[in-house]
Amino acid sequence: MTASYDADNIFAKILLGDIPCHKVFEDENAIVFMDVMPQSVGHTLIVPKAESRNLLDADPSVLATVAPLLRRVAVAAKQAFGADGISVMQFNEAAGGQTVYHLHFHVIPRYEGVPLQAHGRGMEDHGVLAANAEKLRAALGATE
């Protein structure tokens, strides 16, 4: 049995504006912001606005609207951060590595020979996050 959606999760609070974030982009379907505990420079999150716990209970129409944005952010992040590649990650339930129970996607710039930092290792400096958000916004604008 899959647990139900908890509207008190941190991403739901970000979507409501109750918790601030370093926002990169927002439309009627999703919000894109910097991960405050990045595993690499430019680690970004894409969070659909529709309530779903994860991919396992997501409405397929939500996935269809997020997929083009996911690609667009990945292309822009590779450019903005001079990455050699991009990892896109999405986790489902605790056994699958999920720690925030609202559907979300990680876009992580990758560099040859540089391992990812540990997940949840600590908060990044807000000045760094703000600068990275600005870089990614500029790159997203260039891909429109």
Protein backbone atom coordinates (compact mmCIF):
# COMPACT_ATOMS: atom_id res chain seq x y z
CA MET A 1 0.00 0.00 0.00
CA THR A 2 1.28 3.44 -0.92
CA ALA A 3 0.99 6.22 1.63
CA SER A 4 -1.19 9.21 0.83
CA TYR A 5 -0.04 12.69 -0.11
CA ASP A 6 0.97 14.88 2.84
CA ALA A 7 0.13 18.52 2.07
CA ASP A 8 2.48 19.61 4.86
CA ASN A 9 5.68 18.63 2.99
CA ILE A 10 8.39 21.25 2.38
CA PHE A 11 7.76 21.51 -1.37
CA ALA A 12 4.04 22.12 -0.82
CA LYS A 13 5.05 24.93 1.55
CA ILE A 14 7.41 26.37 -1.08
CA LEU A 15 4.59 26.24 -3.66
CA LEU A 16 2.34 28.15 -1.25
CA GLY A 17 5.06 30.75 -0.64
CA ASP A 18 5.31 29.82 3.04
CA ILE A 19 8.99 28.89 2.66
CA PRO A 20 11.32 30.92 0.42
CA CYS A 21 13.41 29.41 -2.36
CA HIS A 22 15.92 30.55 -4.97
CA LYS A 23 13.40 30.44 -7.80
CA VAL A 24 14.60 30.08 -11.37
CA PHE A 25 11.29 29.69 -13.21
CA GLU A 26 7.60 29.25 -12.53
CA ASP A 27 4.52 28.69 -14.66
CA GLU A 28 1.04 27.29 -14.05
CA ASN A 29 2.36 23.71 -13.95
CA ALA A 30 5.65 23.75 -12.05
CA ILE A 31 8.30 25.67 -10.19
CA VAL A 32 12.06 25.37 -10.73
CA PHE A 33 14.45 26.32 -7.94
CA MET A 34 17.94 25.67 -6.64
CA ASP A 35 18.47 22.73 -4.29
CA VAL A 36 19.66 24.19 -0.96
CA MET A 37 21.78 21.07 -0.36
CA PRO A 38 23.33 20.64 -3.80
CA GLN A 39 25.24 17.56 -4.83
CA SER A 40 26.97 19.59 -7.57
CA VAL A 41 27.18 23.24 -8.65
CA GLY A 42 23.84 24.18 -10.22
CA HIS A 43 21.80 21.32 -8.72
CA THR A 44 18.21 22.30 -9.52
CA LEU A 45 14.78 20.93 -8.59
CA ILE A 46 11.67 20.84 -10.77
CA VAL A 47 8.49 20.50 -8.71
CA PRO A 48 5.09 20.06 -10.38
CA LYS A 49 2.33 22.05 -8.72
CA ALA A 50 -0.17 19.20 -8.83
CA GLU A 51 -0.39 17.25 -5.59
CA SER A 52 1.20 13.85 -5.94
CA ARG A 53 3.47 11.96 -3.62
CA ASN A 54 5.75 10.76 -6.42
CA LEU A 55 5.83 9.22 -9.88
CA LEU A 56 3.83 6.22 -8.70
CA ASP A 57 0.65 8.23 -8.11
CA ALA A 58 1.23 11.12 -10.54
CA ASP A 59 -1.37 11.91 -13.17
CA PRO A 60 0.14 11.15 -16.61
CA SER A 61 -0.98 14.58 -17.82
CA VAL A 62 1.23 16.19 -15.17
CA LEU A 63 4.20 14.19 -16.39
CA ALA A 64 3.44 15.25 -19.97
CA THR A 65 3.57 18.94 -19.03
CA VAL A 66 6.73 18.58 -16.94
CA ALA A 67 8.80 16.57 -19.45
CA PRO A 68 9.47 19.48 -21.87
CA LEU A 69 10.42 21.74 -18.94
CA LEU A 70 12.73 19.06 -17.58
CA ARG A 71 14.54 18.88 -20.91
CA ARG A 72 14.72 22.67 -21.20
CA VAL A 73 16.19 23.03 -17.70
CA ALA A 74 18.72 20.24 -18.34
CA VAL A 75 19.94 21.91 -21.56
CA ALA A 76 20.16 25.31 -19.86
CA ALA A 77 21.94 23.90 -16.78
CA LYS A 78 24.59 22.19 -18.92
CA GLN A 79 25.25 25.51 -20.64
CA ALA A 80 25.01 27.77 -17.57
CA PHE A 81 27.37 25.72 -15.44
CA GLY A 82 29.78 24.52 -18.15
CA ALA A 83 28.92 20.92 -17.30
CA ASP A 84 30.20 17.89 -19.19
CA GLY A 85 26.87 16.14 -18.66
CA ILE A 86 23.62 16.18 -16.71
CA SER A 87 22.06 13.64 -14.35
CA VAL A 88 18.30 13.68 -13.97
CA MET A 89 17.13 11.87 -10.86
CA GLN A 90 13.71 11.09 -9.46
CA PHE A 91 13.07 8.95 -6.36
CA ASN A 92 9.97 7.06 -5.21
CA GLU A 93 9.26 6.07 -1.60
CA ALA A 94 11.84 5.66 1.15
CA ALA A 95 13.24 2.41 -0.25
CA GLY A 96 13.79 4.24 -3.55
CA GLY A 97 15.66 7.10 -1.86
CA GLN A 98 12.82 9.64 -1.64
CA THR A 99 13.06 12.03 1.31
CA VAL A 100 10.49 14.71 0.37
CA TYR A 101 7.11 13.22 -0.49
CA HIS A 102 6.02 15.53 -3.30
CA LEU A 103 6.86 14.58 -6.89
CA HIS A 104 10.09 16.30 -7.95
CA PHE A 105 12.99 15.92 -10.34
CA HIS A 106 16.66 16.67 -9.72
CA VAL A 107 18.70 18.20 -12.55
CA ILE A 108 22.35 17.89 -11.60
CA PRO A 109 25.25 19.25 -13.68
CA ARG A 110 28.08 16.70 -13.86
CA TYR A 111 31.78 17.07 -14.53
CA GLU A 112 34.25 14.46 -15.79
CA GLY A 113 36.16 12.93 -12.87
CA VAL A 114 34.18 14.81 -10.20
CA PRO A 115 31.95 12.65 -7.98
CA LEU A 116 28.64 13.90 -6.65
CA GLN A 117 28.69 15.29 -3.14
CA ALA A 118 26.66 13.44 -0.53
CA HIS A 119 22.93 14.21 -0.53
CA GLY A 120 21.87 16.29 2.48
CA ARG A 121 25.46 17.15 3.45
CA GLY A 122 24.53 20.69 4.47
CA MET A 123 23.06 23.96 3.30
CA GLU A 124 24.77 25.95 0.55
CA ASP A 125 25.48 29.64 1.07
CA HIS A 126 22.44 31.67 -0.02
CA GLY A 127 24.63 34.07 -2.01
CA VAL A 128 25.94 31.14 -4.05
CA LEU A 129 22.41 29.82 -4.61
CA ALA A 130 21.17 33.26 -5.70
CA ALA A 131 24.05 33.61 -8.16
CA ASN A 132 23.44 30.12 -9.55
CA ALA A 133 19.72 30.84 -9.93
CA GLU A 134 20.57 33.98 -11.91
CA LYS A 135 22.96 32.04 -14.18
CA LEU A 136 20.32 29.42 -14.87
CA ARG A 137 17.59 32.04 -15.47
CA ALA A 138 19.83 33.71 -18.07
CA ALA A 139 20.52 30.38 -19.78
CA LEU A 140 16.81 29.47 -19.76
CA GLY A 141 16.01 32.80 -21.39
CA ALA A 142 18.55 32.01 -24.10
CA THR A 143 16.87 28.65 -24.85
CA GLU A 144 13.36 30.07 -25.37
